[in-house]
Amino acid sequence: MRVEKFFLFFGPKLVSRKRGETEYGIATIPAGGYVKISGMNPDDVLPEGEEHRGYYEMPVCKRIVVIGAGPAVNIFLAFAILFVLFLTSAQQGTQTVGEISPDTPAAAALQPGDRILAVDGRSYPGDDLGDRLESFKDQVASHECAGEQTKGCLAETPVILRIRRDGEVRTISVRPEYDPALQRTRIGFSYGSEPAEYGAGDSAKEAGDVMWNISTKTITVFANLLDAEKRKEVSGVVGTSEVAHQTIDKFGATEAFFLLAVVSLSLGLINLFPFLPLDGGHIFWSLVEKVRGKRVPFAVMERAGAIGFVLVIMLFFLGLSNDIGRLTGEGFNVR
């Protein structure tokens, strides 16, 4: 194939250099990349003698491999970042109280460093740490407000916490409050963390688990766009940029790289959706051509591409609308 441009990352060009027939460069937004292949547009005019190197002159399998390389790089980049983060900077939760949210029941009852031993007399000794903390959360959530669950309402019954503070075991009573964003009651604190040591195998497994969770959530959001609540979860370029800035300002390099991995993975997945002009659309029509045994007319692909373009634009404006709402409202909830 004849490649006209090969750029690492997206957005405005930072640097570029032309070697032979291809312009190589680096853009500003560190996620994914961009490749321009001659002949993908039926109006492209290739130099004389180069017509056989056009995109649609190539075998179907070669086209699929070339187009699929873009999303594959996004997905691999996400895995590589997560793998390195788990290998070098992994943290694991503890049963100690970390950050306490202001103006919550926890602010009046708990202190950073308190160790949660049991909730309502249940300590879940047979569970591993992650399952135990999840069980503590579920037990707190079982305490509900009387009547309708509204923002800030206090649970009808208190949660009984057994904690260790300064070496002394204490029992305290606290009524959790309802948080509509979480759709459950909460006390209002996050658990602390400590460094965790992962080998290469465990790091790969943890990276794979994170990617699976992100993938299922990404697909779930787009599969439920008719749901008003799910539509609110869509974010655009403005939101991604703002969250990146907040993440770097509030946290640091580790969290910023984690966000980069999430964005890269999401871009790779979305780019595989079977709509032109996305890469998944090109792969889809190549498979159709393979099944039919002959090329699909450009007119058919153009009509289908128009539908795909409208969907992409709708998602763009939906994300932009949500971003504007967050910027002028409650923000992006980067904690």
C-alpha atoms as a PDB file:
ATOM      1  CA  MET A   1       0.000   0.000   0.000  1.00  0.00           C
ATOM      2  CA  ARG A   2       1.045   3.573  -0.573  1.00  0.00           C
ATOM      3  CA  VAL A   3       1.146   5.501   2.728  1.00  0.00           C
ATOM      4  CA  GLU A   4       1.055   9.293   2.440  1.00  0.00           C
ATOM      5  CA  LYS A   5       1.100  10.194   6.159  1.00  0.00           C
ATOM      6  CA  PHE A   6       2.069   8.306   9.312  1.00  0.00           C
ATOM      7  CA  PHE A   7       1.552  10.243  12.540  1.00  0.00           C
ATOM      8  CA  LEU A   8       1.956   9.216  16.158  1.00  0.00           C
ATOM      9  CA  PHE A   9      -0.875  10.663  18.286  1.00  0.00           C
ATOM     10  CA  PHE A  10      -3.724  12.978  17.207  1.00  0.00           C
ATOM     11  CA  GLY A  11      -4.355  16.696  16.849  1.00  0.00           C
ATOM     12  CA  PRO A  12      -2.196  19.552  15.551  1.00  0.00           C
ATOM     13  CA  LYS A  13       1.204  18.605  14.176  1.00  0.00           C
ATOM     14  CA  LEU A  14       4.212  19.071  16.447  1.00  0.00           C
ATOM     15  CA  VAL A  15       6.990  17.863  14.173  1.00  0.00           C
ATOM     16  CA  SER A  16       7.132  16.017  10.879  1.00  0.00           C
ATOM     17  CA  ARG A  17       9.599  14.882   8.279  1.00  0.00           C
ATOM     18  CA  LYS A  18       9.069  13.454   4.828  1.00  0.00           C
ATOM     19  CA  ARG A  19      11.008  10.412   3.787  1.00  0.00           C
ATOM     20  CA  GLY A  20      10.328   9.066   0.360  1.00  0.00           C
ATOM     21  CA  GLU A  21       6.601   9.219  -0.337  1.00  0.00           C
ATOM     22  CA  THR A  22       5.557   9.245   3.346  1.00  0.00           C
ATOM     23  CA  GLU A  23       5.362  12.127   5.815  1.00  0.00           C
ATOM     24  CA  TYR A  24       6.196  10.956   9.348  1.00  0.00           C
ATOM     25  CA  GLY A  25       5.264  13.066  12.349  1.00  0.00           C
ATOM     26  CA  ILE A  26       4.177  13.468  15.950  1.00  0.00           C
ATOM     27  CA  ALA A  27       0.962  15.261  16.956  1.00  0.00           C
ATOM     28  CA  THR A  28      -0.090  16.852  20.248  1.00  0.00           C
ATOM     29  CA  ILE A  29      -2.715  14.544  21.808  1.00  0.00           C
ATOM     30  CA  PRO A  30      -0.944  11.435  23.200  1.00  0.00           C
ATOM     31  CA  ALA A  31      -3.423   8.733  22.229  1.00  0.00           C
ATOM     32  CA  GLY A  32      -3.520   6.579  19.127  1.00  0.00           C
ATOM     33  CA  GLY A  33      -2.272   7.755  15.768  1.00  0.00           C
ATOM     34  CA  TYR A  34      -3.195   8.628  12.198  1.00  0.00           C
ATOM     35  CA  VAL A  35      -2.320   6.997   8.891  1.00  0.00           C
ATOM     36  CA  LYS A  36      -3.396   8.251   5.456  1.00  0.00           C
ATOM     37  CA  ILE A  37      -3.415   5.517   2.796  1.00  0.00           C
ATOM     38  CA  SER A  38      -3.714   6.380  -0.875  1.00  0.00           C
ATOM     39  CA  GLY A  39      -6.872   5.200  -2.567  1.00  0.00           C
ATOM     40  CA  MET A  40      -9.172   4.995   0.461  1.00  0.00           C
ATOM     41  CA  ASN A  41     -11.155   7.838  -1.043  1.00  0.00           C
ATOM     42  CA  PRO A  42     -12.487   6.982  -4.514  1.00  0.00           C
ATOM     43  CA  ASP A  43     -11.599  10.525  -5.626  1.00  0.00           C
ATOM     44  CA  ASP A  44      -7.916   9.994  -4.804  1.00  0.00           C
ATOM     45  CA  VAL A  45      -5.653  10.229  -7.818  1.00  0.00           C
ATOM     46  CA  LEU A  46      -2.514   8.150  -7.481  1.00  0.00           C
ATOM     47  CA  PRO A  47       0.674   8.977  -9.367  1.00  0.00           C
ATOM     48  CA  GLU A  48       1.044   7.260 -12.712  1.00  0.00           C
ATOM     49  CA  GLY A  49       2.303   3.727 -12.277  1.00  0.00           C
ATOM     50  CA  GLU A  50       1.225   3.592  -8.608  1.00  0.00           C
ATOM     51  CA  GLU A  51      -2.459   2.765  -9.176  1.00  0.00           C
ATOM     52  CA  HIS A  52      -1.898  -0.874  -8.176  1.00  0.00           C
ATOM     53  CA  ARG A  53      -0.828   0.243  -4.693  1.00  0.00           C
ATOM     54  CA  GLY A  54      -4.150   1.887  -3.846  1.00  0.00           C
ATOM     55  CA  TYR A  55      -6.060   0.711  -0.796  1.00  0.00           C
ATOM     56  CA  TYR A  56      -8.889  -1.026  -2.665  1.00  0.00           C
ATOM     57  CA  GLU A  57      -6.437  -2.742  -5.014  1.00  0.00           C
ATOM     58  CA  MET A  58      -5.049  -4.733  -2.089  1.00  0.00           C
ATOM     59  CA  PRO A  59      -6.357  -8.182  -1.021  1.00  0.00           C
ATOM     60  CA  VAL A  60      -9.128  -8.089   1.606  1.00  0.00           C
ATOM     61  CA  CYS A  61      -7.063  -9.819   4.290  1.00  0.00           C
ATOM     62  CA  LYS A  62      -4.230  -7.320   3.888  1.00  0.00           C
ATOM     63  CA  ARG A  63      -6.657  -4.412   4.175  1.00  0.00           C
ATOM     64  CA  ILE A  64      -8.161  -5.823   7.373  1.00  0.00           C
ATOM     65  CA  VAL A  65      -4.723  -6.319   8.930  1.00  0.00           C
ATOM     66  CA  VAL A  66      -3.593  -2.796   8.031  1.00  0.00           C
ATOM     67  CA  ILE A  67      -6.791  -1.077   9.221  1.00  0.00           C
ATOM     68  CA  GLY A  68      -7.021  -3.225  12.340  1.00  0.00           C
ATOM     69  CA  ALA A  69      -3.482  -2.222  13.316  1.00  0.00           C
ATOM     70  CA  GLY A  70      -4.714   1.228  14.428  1.00  0.00           C
ATOM     71  CA  PRO A  71      -7.173   0.083  17.112  1.00  0.00           C
ATOM     72  CA  ALA A  72      -4.754  -2.721  18.016  1.00  0.00           C
ATOM     73  CA  VAL A  73      -2.038  -0.160  18.821  1.00  0.00           C
ATOM     74  CA  ASN A  74      -4.495   1.759  21.036  1.00  0.00           C
ATOM     75  CA  ILE A  75      -5.414  -1.404  22.918  1.00  0.00           C
ATOM     76  CA  PHE A  76      -1.802  -2.579  23.211  1.00  0.00           C
ATOM     77  CA  LEU A  77      -0.712   0.870  24.441  1.00  0.00           C
ATOM     78  CA  ALA A  78      -3.386   0.726  27.147  1.00  0.00           C
ATOM     79  CA  PHE A  79      -2.213  -2.730  28.217  1.00  0.00           C
ATOM     80  CA  ALA A  80       1.464  -1.679  28.229  1.00  0.00           C
ATOM     81  CA  ILE A  81       0.754   1.392  30.398  1.00  0.00           C
ATOM     82  CA  LEU A  82      -1.374  -0.560  32.868  1.00  0.00           C
ATOM     83  CA  PHE A  83       1.172  -3.388  32.999  1.00  0.00           C
ATOM     84  CA  VAL A  84       4.002  -0.983  33.871  1.00  0.00           C
ATOM     85  CA  LEU A  85       1.837   0.847  36.439  1.00  0.00           C
ATOM     86  CA  PHE A  86       0.973  -2.390  38.242  1.00  0.00           C
ATOM     87  CA  LEU A  87       4.573  -3.563  38.046  1.00  0.00           C
ATOM     88  CA  THR A  88       6.070  -0.356  39.455  1.00  0.00           C
ATOM     89  CA  SER A  89       3.377   1.687  41.239  1.00  0.00           C
ATOM     90  CA  ALA A  90       0.628  -0.676  42.356  1.00  0.00           C
ATOM     91  CA  GLN A  91      -1.389   0.186  45.440  1.00  0.00           C
ATOM     92  CA  GLN A  92      -3.731  -2.028  47.415  1.00  0.00           C
ATOM     93  CA  GLY A  93      -6.551  -0.993  49.705  1.00  0.00           C
ATOM     94  CA  THR A  94      -6.443  -1.341  53.448  1.00  0.00           C
ATOM     95  CA  GLN A  95      -9.085  -1.455  56.175  1.00  0.00           C
ATOM     96  CA  THR A  96      -7.916   1.891  57.510  1.00  0.00           C
ATOM     97  CA  VAL A  97      -9.767   5.138  56.942  1.00  0.00           C
ATOM     98  CA  GLY A  98      -8.046   7.339  54.361  1.00  0.00           C
ATOM     99  CA  GLU A  99      -9.694  10.523  53.109  1.00  0.00           C
ATOM    100  CA  ILE A 100     -12.851  11.729  54.851  1.00  0.00           C
ATOM    101  CA  SER A 101     -15.325  13.800  52.845  1.00  0.00           C
ATOM    102  CA  PRO A 102     -16.310  17.062  54.576  1.00  0.00           C
ATOM    103  CA  ASP A 103     -19.867  17.558  55.809  1.00  0.00           C
ATOM    104  CA  THR A 104     -20.615  13.823  55.888  1.00  0.00           C
ATOM    105  CA  PRO A 105     -21.466  11.530  58.797  1.00  0.00           C
ATOM    106  CA  ALA A 106     -17.876  10.241  58.720  1.00  0.00           C
ATOM    107  CA  ALA A 107     -16.503  13.738  59.413  1.00  0.00           C
ATOM    108  CA  ALA A 108     -18.089  13.708  62.872  1.00  0.00           C
ATOM    109  CA  ALA A 109     -17.390  10.080  63.766  1.00  0.00           C
ATOM    110  CA  LEU A 110     -14.152   8.869  62.174  1.00  0.00           C
ATOM    111  CA  GLN A 111     -10.529   9.932  61.923  1.00  0.00           C
ATOM    112  CA  PRO A 112      -7.923   9.141  59.277  1.00  0.00           C
ATOM    113  CA  GLY A 113      -6.039   6.035  60.354  1.00  0.00           C
ATOM    114  CA  ASP A 114      -9.011   4.375  62.096  1.00  0.00           C
ATOM    115  CA  ARG A 115      -9.062   0.675  61.229  1.00  0.00           C
ATOM    116  CA  ILE A 116     -12.507  -0.737  60.439  1.00  0.00           C
ATOM    117  CA  LEU A 117     -12.786  -4.102  62.196  1.00  0.00           C
ATOM    118  CA  ALA A 118     -16.481  -4.874  61.731  1.00  0.00           C
ATOM    119  CA  VAL A 119     -19.729  -3.369  60.448  1.00  0.00           C
ATOM    120  CA  ASP A 120     -22.892  -4.244  62.380  1.00  0.00           C
ATOM    121  CA  GLY A 121     -20.925  -6.970  64.133  1.00  0.00           C
ATOM    122  CA  ARG A 122     -19.836  -8.603  60.858  1.00  0.00           C
ATOM    123  CA  SER A 123     -16.099  -8.872  60.152  1.00  0.00           C
ATOM    124  CA  TYR A 124     -16.167 -11.359  57.237  1.00  0.00           C
ATOM    125  CA  PRO A 125     -12.998 -13.213  58.343  1.00  0.00           C
ATOM    126  CA  GLY A 126     -13.149 -15.744  55.501  1.00  0.00           C
ATOM    127  CA  ASP A 127     -13.091 -13.115  52.716  1.00  0.00           C
ATOM    128  CA  ASP A 128     -10.031 -11.642  51.059  1.00  0.00           C
ATOM    129  CA  LEU A 129      -9.455  -7.929  51.566  1.00  0.00           C
ATOM    130  CA  GLY A 130     -11.242  -6.755  48.421  1.00  0.00           C
ATOM    131  CA  ASP A 131     -14.360  -8.852  49.086  1.00  0.00           C
ATOM    132  CA  ARG A 132     -14.349  -7.808  52.754  1.00  0.00           C
ATOM    133  CA  LEU A 133     -14.329  -4.095  51.909  1.00  0.00           C
ATOM    134  CA  GLU A 134     -17.091  -4.686  49.363  1.00  0.00           C
ATOM    135  CA  SER A 135     -19.137  -6.503  52.006  1.00  0.00           C
ATOM    136  CA  PHE A 136     -18.620  -3.611  54.446  1.00  0.00           C
ATOM    137  CA  LYS A 137     -19.940  -1.217  51.778  1.00  0.00           C
ATOM    138  CA  ASP A 138     -22.969  -3.416  51.053  1.00  0.00           C
ATOM    139  CA  GLN A 139     -23.766  -3.667  54.757  1.00  0.00           C
ATOM    140  CA  VAL A 140     -23.711   0.115  55.112  1.00  0.00           C
ATOM    141  CA  ALA A 141     -25.923   0.416  52.017  1.00  0.00           C
ATOM    142  CA  SER A 142     -28.497  -1.900  53.627  1.00  0.00           C
ATOM    143  CA  HIS A 143     -29.379   0.976  55.971  1.00  0.00           C
ATOM    144  CA  GLU A 144     -31.899   3.135  54.109  1.00  0.00           C
ATOM    145  CA  CYS A 145     -33.782   6.336  54.775  1.00  0.00           C
ATOM    146  CA  ALA A 146     -37.373   6.136  55.892  1.00  0.00           C
ATOM    147  CA  GLY A 147     -39.674   6.663  52.915  1.00  0.00           C
ATOM    148  CA  GLU A 148     -38.260   8.111  49.696  1.00  0.00           C
ATOM    149  CA  GLN A 149     -34.493   8.040  49.249  1.00  0.00           C
ATOM    150  CA  THR A 150     -33.474  11.667  48.697  1.00  0.00           C
ATOM    151  CA  LYS A 151     -30.111  13.401  48.564  1.00  0.00           C
ATOM    152  CA  GLY A 152     -28.623  13.808  52.032  1.00  0.00           C
ATOM    153  CA  CYS A 153     -31.360  11.968  53.920  1.00  0.00           C
ATOM    154  CA  LEU A 154     -30.108   9.997  56.927  1.00  0.00           C
ATOM    155  CA  ALA A 155     -30.711   6.289  57.293  1.00  0.00           C
ATOM    156  CA  GLU A 156     -33.482   5.264  59.647  1.00  0.00           C
ATOM    157  CA  THR A 157     -31.159   2.972  61.596  1.00  0.00           C
ATOM    158  CA  PRO A 158     -27.515   3.598  62.505  1.00  0.00           C
ATOM    159  CA  VAL A 159     -24.538   1.557  61.385  1.00  0.00           C
ATOM    160  CA  ILE A 160     -22.534   0.100  64.252  1.00  0.00           C
ATOM    161  CA  LEU A 161     -18.813   0.274  63.514  1.00  0.00           C
ATOM    162  CA  ARG A 162     -16.131  -1.509  65.526  1.00  0.00           C
ATOM    163  CA  ILE A 163     -12.861   0.300  64.956  1.00  0.00           C
ATOM    164  CA  ARG A 164      -9.315   0.386  66.301  1.00  0.00           C
ATOM    165  CA  ARG A 165      -8.000   3.874  67.060  1.00  0.00           C
ATOM    166  CA  ASP A 166      -4.591   4.467  68.638  1.00  0.00           C
ATOM    167  CA  GLY A 167      -4.430   0.814  69.639  1.00  0.00           C
ATOM    168  CA  GLU A 168      -7.806   0.908  71.391  1.00  0.00           C
ATOM    169  CA  VAL A 169     -10.895  -0.939  70.109  1.00  0.00           C
ATOM    170  CA  ARG A 170     -13.997   1.244  70.100  1.00  0.00           C
ATOM    171  CA  THR A 171     -17.611   0.905  69.013  1.00  0.00           C
ATOM    172  CA  ILE A 172     -19.280   3.886  67.382  1.00  0.00           C
ATOM    173  CA  SER A 173     -22.726   4.488  65.943  1.00  0.00           C
ATOM    174  CA  VAL A 174     -23.247   6.537  62.781  1.00  0.00           C
ATOM    175  CA  ARG A 175     -26.236   7.073  60.521  1.00  0.00           C
ATOM    176  CA  PRO A 176     -25.191   6.991  56.852  1.00  0.00           C
ATOM    177  CA  GLU A 177     -26.607   9.472  54.334  1.00  0.00           C
ATOM    178  CA  TYR A 178     -28.061   8.793  50.889  1.00  0.00           C
ATOM    179  CA  ASP A 179     -25.933   9.772  47.889  1.00  0.00           C
ATOM    180  CA  PRO A 180     -27.941   9.822  44.633  1.00  0.00           C
ATOM    181  CA  ALA A 181     -24.754   9.621  42.546  1.00  0.00           C
ATOM    182  CA  LEU A 182     -23.954   6.264  44.154  1.00  0.00           C
ATOM    183  CA  GLN A 183     -27.625   5.279  44.502  1.00  0.00           C
ATOM    184  CA  ARG A 184     -27.020   4.063  48.049  1.00  0.00           C
ATOM    185  CA  THR A 185     -26.279   5.316  51.525  1.00  0.00           C
ATOM    186  CA  ARG A 186     -22.706   6.006  52.550  1.00  0.00           C
ATOM    187  CA  ILE A 187     -20.769   7.144  55.587  1.00  0.00           C
ATOM    188  CA  GLY A 188     -18.439   9.389  53.622  1.00  0.00           C
ATOM    189  CA  PHE A 189     -14.851   8.149  53.636  1.00  0.00           C
ATOM    190  CA  SER A 190     -12.454   6.268  51.399  1.00  0.00           C
ATOM    191  CA  TYR A 191     -10.096   3.533  52.482  1.00  0.00           C
ATOM    192  CA  GLY A 192      -6.380   4.160  52.640  1.00  0.00           C
ATOM    193  CA  SER A 193      -3.869   2.338  50.497  1.00  0.00           C
ATOM    194  CA  GLU A 194      -0.387   0.898  50.727  1.00  0.00           C
ATOM    195  CA  PRO A 195       2.206  -0.219  48.169  1.00  0.00           C
ATOM    196  CA  ALA A 196       1.603  -3.653  46.663  1.00  0.00           C
ATOM    197  CA  GLU A 197       4.196  -5.875  45.032  1.00  0.00           C
ATOM    198  CA  TYR A 198       3.164  -7.535  41.763  1.00  0.00           C
ATOM    199  CA  GLY A 199       5.283  -9.753  39.576  1.00  0.00           C
ATOM    200  CA  ALA A 200       5.081  -9.748  35.794  1.00  0.00           C
ATOM    201  CA  GLY A 201       2.351 -12.399  35.716  1.00  0.00           C
ATOM    202  CA  ASP A 202       0.177 -10.691  38.330  1.00  0.00           C
ATOM    203  CA  SER A 203       0.704  -7.310  36.654  1.00  0.00           C
ATOM    204  CA  ALA A 204      -0.464  -8.731  33.326  1.00  0.00           C
ATOM    205  CA  LYS A 205      -3.523 -10.287  34.990  1.00  0.00           C
ATOM    206  CA  GLU A 206      -4.446  -7.073  36.813  1.00  0.00           C
ATOM    207  CA  ALA A 207      -3.981  -5.038  33.620  1.00  0.00           C
ATOM    208  CA  GLY A 208      -6.226  -7.474  31.754  1.00  0.00           C
ATOM    209  CA  ASP A 209      -8.885  -7.278  34.480  1.00  0.00           C
ATOM    210  CA  VAL A 210      -8.894  -3.475  34.374  1.00  0.00           C
ATOM    211  CA  MET A 211      -9.161  -3.502  30.576  1.00  0.00           C
ATOM    212  CA  TRP A 212     -12.058  -5.956  30.722  1.00  0.00           C
ATOM    213  CA  ASN A 213     -13.938  -3.758  33.203  1.00  0.00           C
ATOM    214  CA  ILE A 214     -13.345  -0.625  31.114  1.00  0.00           C
ATOM    215  CA  SER A 215     -14.358  -2.438  27.919  1.00  0.00           C
ATOM    216  CA  THR A 216     -17.640  -3.729  29.333  1.00  0.00           C
ATOM    217  CA  LYS A 217     -18.506  -0.308  30.758  1.00  0.00           C
ATOM    218  CA  THR A 218     -17.666   1.452  27.469  1.00  0.00           C
ATOM    219  CA  ILE A 219     -19.817  -0.926  25.451  1.00  0.00           C
ATOM    220  CA  THR A 220     -22.622  -0.793  28.027  1.00  0.00           C
ATOM    221  CA  VAL A 221     -22.790   3.011  27.878  1.00  0.00           C
ATOM    222  CA  PHE A 222     -23.050   3.083  24.074  1.00  0.00           C
ATOM    223  CA  ALA A 223     -25.488   0.184  24.009  1.00  0.00           C
ATOM    224  CA  ASN A 224     -27.814   2.084  26.357  1.00  0.00           C
ATOM    225  CA  LEU A 225     -27.770   5.573  24.852  1.00  0.00           C
ATOM    226  CA  LEU A 226     -31.562   5.628  24.916  1.00  0.00           C
ATOM    227  CA  ASP A 227     -31.275   5.633  28.709  1.00  0.00           C
ATOM    228  CA  ALA A 228     -31.064   9.259  29.883  1.00  0.00           C
ATOM    229  CA  GLU A 229     -28.785   8.371  32.798  1.00  0.00           C
ATOM    230  CA  LYS A 230     -26.384   6.454  30.546  1.00  0.00           C
ATOM    231  CA  ARG A 231     -26.271   9.353  28.081  1.00  0.00           C
ATOM    232  CA  LYS A 232     -24.957  11.568  30.874  1.00  0.00           C
ATOM    233  CA  GLU A 233     -21.887   9.324  31.152  1.00  0.00           C
ATOM    234  CA  VAL A 234     -20.691  10.129  27.615  1.00  0.00           C
ATOM    235  CA  SER A 235     -17.803  12.597  27.563  1.00  0.00           C
ATOM    236  CA  GLY A 236     -16.118  14.416  24.694  1.00  0.00           C
ATOM    237  CA  VAL A 237     -12.758  15.974  23.898  1.00  0.00           C
ATOM    238  CA  VAL A 238     -13.336  18.916  26.263  1.00  0.00           C
ATOM    239  CA  GLY A 239     -14.238  16.596  29.128  1.00  0.00           C
ATOM    240  CA  THR A 240     -11.290  14.298  28.507  1.00  0.00           C
ATOM    241  CA  SER A 241      -8.915  17.262  28.457  1.00  0.00           C
ATOM    242  CA  GLU A 242     -10.436  18.778  31.602  1.00  0.00           C
ATOM    243  CA  VAL A 243     -10.307  15.491  33.501  1.00  0.00           C
ATOM    244  CA  ALA A 244      -6.680  15.070  32.414  1.00  0.00           C
ATOM    245  CA  HIS A 245      -5.793  18.512  33.751  1.00  0.00           C
ATOM    246  CA  GLN A 246      -7.627  17.888  37.029  1.00  0.00           C
ATOM    247  CA  THR A 247      -6.016  14.490  37.398  1.00  0.00           C
ATOM    248  CA  ILE A 248      -2.503  15.875  36.904  1.00  0.00           C
ATOM    249  CA  ASP A 249      -3.167  18.853  39.200  1.00  0.00           C
ATOM    250  CA  LYS A 250      -4.782  16.852  42.003  1.00  0.00           C
ATOM    251  CA  PHE A 251      -2.866  13.595  41.841  1.00  0.00           C
ATOM    252  CA  GLY A 252       0.238  13.003  39.765  1.00  0.00           C
ATOM    253  CA  ALA A 253       1.957  11.061  37.037  1.00  0.00           C
ATOM    254  CA  THR A 254       0.590   7.632  38.014  1.00  0.00           C
ATOM    255  CA  GLU A 255      -3.036   8.743  37.830  1.00  0.00           C
ATOM    256  CA  ALA A 256      -2.345  10.716  34.638  1.00  0.00           C
ATOM    257  CA  PHE A 257      -0.871   7.622  32.955  1.00  0.00           C
ATOM    258  CA  PHE A 258      -3.840   5.560  34.147  1.00  0.00           C
ATOM    259  CA  LEU A 259      -6.187   8.096  32.544  1.00  0.00           C
ATOM    260  CA  LEU A 260      -4.121   7.914  29.346  1.00  0.00           C
ATOM    261  CA  ALA A 261      -4.551   4.127  29.337  1.00  0.00           C
ATOM    262  CA  VAL A 262      -8.321   4.466  29.797  1.00  0.00           C
ATOM    263  CA  VAL A 263      -8.595   6.996  26.958  1.00  0.00           C
ATOM    264  CA  SER A 264      -6.399   4.902  24.664  1.00  0.00           C
ATOM    265  CA  LEU A 265      -8.416   1.747  25.324  1.00  0.00           C
ATOM    266  CA  SER A 266     -11.741   3.537  24.854  1.00  0.00           C
ATOM    267  CA  LEU A 267     -10.549   5.050  21.563  1.00  0.00           C
ATOM    268  CA  GLY A 268      -9.452   1.632  20.342  1.00  0.00           C
ATOM    269  CA  LEU A 269     -12.798   0.059  21.222  1.00  0.00           C
ATOM    270  CA  ILE A 270     -14.916   2.855  19.754  1.00  0.00           C
ATOM    271  CA  ASN A 271     -12.811   2.837  16.595  1.00  0.00           C
ATOM    272  CA  LEU A 272     -13.803  -0.810  16.092  1.00  0.00           C
ATOM    273  CA  PHE A 273     -17.513   0.037  15.901  1.00  0.00           C
ATOM    274  CA  PRO A 274     -18.740  -1.048  12.422  1.00  0.00           C
ATOM    275  CA  PHE A 275     -19.522   2.422  11.069  1.00  0.00           C
ATOM    276  CA  LEU A 276     -17.635   4.418   8.468  1.00  0.00           C
ATOM    277  CA  PRO A 277     -15.493   6.493   8.791  1.00  0.00           C
ATOM    278  CA  LEU A 278     -14.300   4.487  11.819  1.00  0.00           C
ATOM    279  CA  ASP A 279     -11.756   1.716  11.251  1.00  0.00           C
ATOM    280  CA  GLY A 280     -14.373  -0.820  12.253  1.00  0.00           C
ATOM    281  CA  GLY A 281     -16.486   0.359   9.324  1.00  0.00           C
ATOM    282  CA  HIS A 282     -13.659  -0.309   6.884  1.00  0.00           C
ATOM    283  CA  ILE A 283     -13.143  -3.757   8.415  1.00  0.00           C
ATOM    284  CA  PHE A 284     -16.883  -4.475   8.203  1.00  0.00           C
ATOM    285  CA  TRP A 285     -17.107  -3.617   4.505  1.00  0.00           C
ATOM    286  CA  SER A 286     -13.961  -5.602   3.771  1.00  0.00           C
ATOM    287  CA  LEU A 287     -15.607  -8.643   5.383  1.00  0.00           C
ATOM    288  CA  VAL A 288     -18.767  -8.012   3.345  1.00  0.00           C
ATOM    289  CA  GLU A 289     -16.638  -7.940   0.203  1.00  0.00           C
ATOM    290  CA  LYS A 290     -14.981 -11.205   1.230  1.00  0.00           C
ATOM    291  CA  VAL A 291     -18.362 -12.895   1.739  1.00  0.00           C
ATOM    292  CA  ARG A 292     -19.852 -11.506  -1.506  1.00  0.00           C
ATOM    293  CA  GLY A 293     -16.789 -12.382  -3.520  1.00  0.00           C
ATOM    294  CA  LYS A 294     -16.785  -8.970  -5.178  1.00  0.00           C
ATOM    295  CA  ARG A 295     -16.225  -5.365  -4.260  1.00  0.00           C
ATOM    296  CA  VAL A 296     -19.034  -3.406  -2.593  1.00  0.00           C
ATOM    297  CA  PRO A 297     -20.040  -0.361  -4.705  1.00  0.00           C
ATOM    298  CA  PHE A 298     -18.727   2.942  -3.333  1.00  0.00           C
ATOM    299  CA  ALA A 299     -22.249   4.377  -3.492  1.00  0.00           C
ATOM    300  CA  VAL A 300     -23.465   1.775  -0.986  1.00  0.00           C
ATOM    301  CA  MET A 301     -20.565   2.459   1.366  1.00  0.00           C
ATOM    302  CA  GLU A 302     -21.072   6.198   1.043  1.00  0.00           C
ATOM    303  CA  ARG A 303     -24.737   5.924   2.060  1.00  0.00           C
ATOM    304  CA  ALA A 304     -23.817   3.714   5.009  1.00  0.00           C
ATOM    305  CA  GLY A 305     -20.932   6.053   5.797  1.00  0.00           C
ATOM    306  CA  ALA A 306     -23.329   8.972   5.967  1.00  0.00           C
ATOM    307  CA  ILE A 307     -25.309   7.153   8.667  1.00  0.00           C
ATOM    308  CA  GLY A 308     -22.107   6.388  10.538  1.00  0.00           C
ATOM    309  CA  PHE A 309     -20.963  10.006  10.200  1.00  0.00           C
ATOM    310  CA  VAL A 310     -24.258  11.253  11.640  1.00  0.00           C
ATOM    311  CA  LEU A 311     -23.901   8.851  14.586  1.00  0.00           C
ATOM    312  CA  VAL A 312     -20.337  10.017  15.252  1.00  0.00           C
ATOM    313  CA  ILE A 313     -21.394  13.689  15.093  1.00  0.00           C
ATOM    314  CA  MET A 314     -24.329  12.986  17.437  1.00  0.00           C
ATOM    315  CA  LEU A 315     -21.964  11.338  19.925  1.00  0.00           C
ATOM    316  CA  PHE A 316     -19.573  14.278  19.602  1.00  0.00           C
ATOM    317  CA  PHE A 317     -22.255  16.850  20.381  1.00  0.00           C
ATOM    318  CA  LEU A 318     -23.704  14.661  23.136  1.00  0.00           C
ATOM    319  CA  GLY A 319     -20.272  14.446  24.746  1.00  0.00           C
ATOM    320  CA  LEU A 320     -19.694  18.193  24.266  1.00  0.00           C
ATOM    321  CA  SER A 321     -23.094  18.997  25.794  1.00  0.00           C
ATOM    322  CA  ASN A 322     -22.338  16.806  28.808  1.00  0.00           C
ATOM    323  CA  ASP A 323     -18.886  18.400  29.140  1.00  0.00           C
ATOM    324  CA  ILE A 324     -20.356  21.917  29.144  1.00  0.00           C
ATOM    325  CA  GLY A 325     -22.874  20.835  31.783  1.00  0.00           C
ATOM    326  CA  ARG A 326     -20.096  19.485  33.982  1.00  0.00           C
ATOM    327  CA  LEU A 327     -17.888  22.542  33.494  1.00  0.00           C
ATOM    328  CA  THR A 328     -20.725  24.904  34.480  1.00  0.00           C
ATOM    329  CA  GLY A 329     -22.288  22.576  37.079  1.00  0.00           C
ATOM    330  CA  GLU A 330     -20.929  20.020  39.506  1.00  0.00           C
ATOM    331  CA  GLY A 331     -17.677  19.348  37.657  1.00  0.00           C
ATOM    332  CA  PHE A 332     -16.107  16.077  36.636  1.00  0.00           C
ATOM    333  CA  ASN A 333     -15.936  14.526  40.106  1.00  0.00           C
ATOM    334  CA  VAL A 334     -12.203  13.923  40.032  1.00  0.00           C
ATOM    335  CA  ARG A 335     -11.433  13.041  43.648  1.00  0.00           C
END
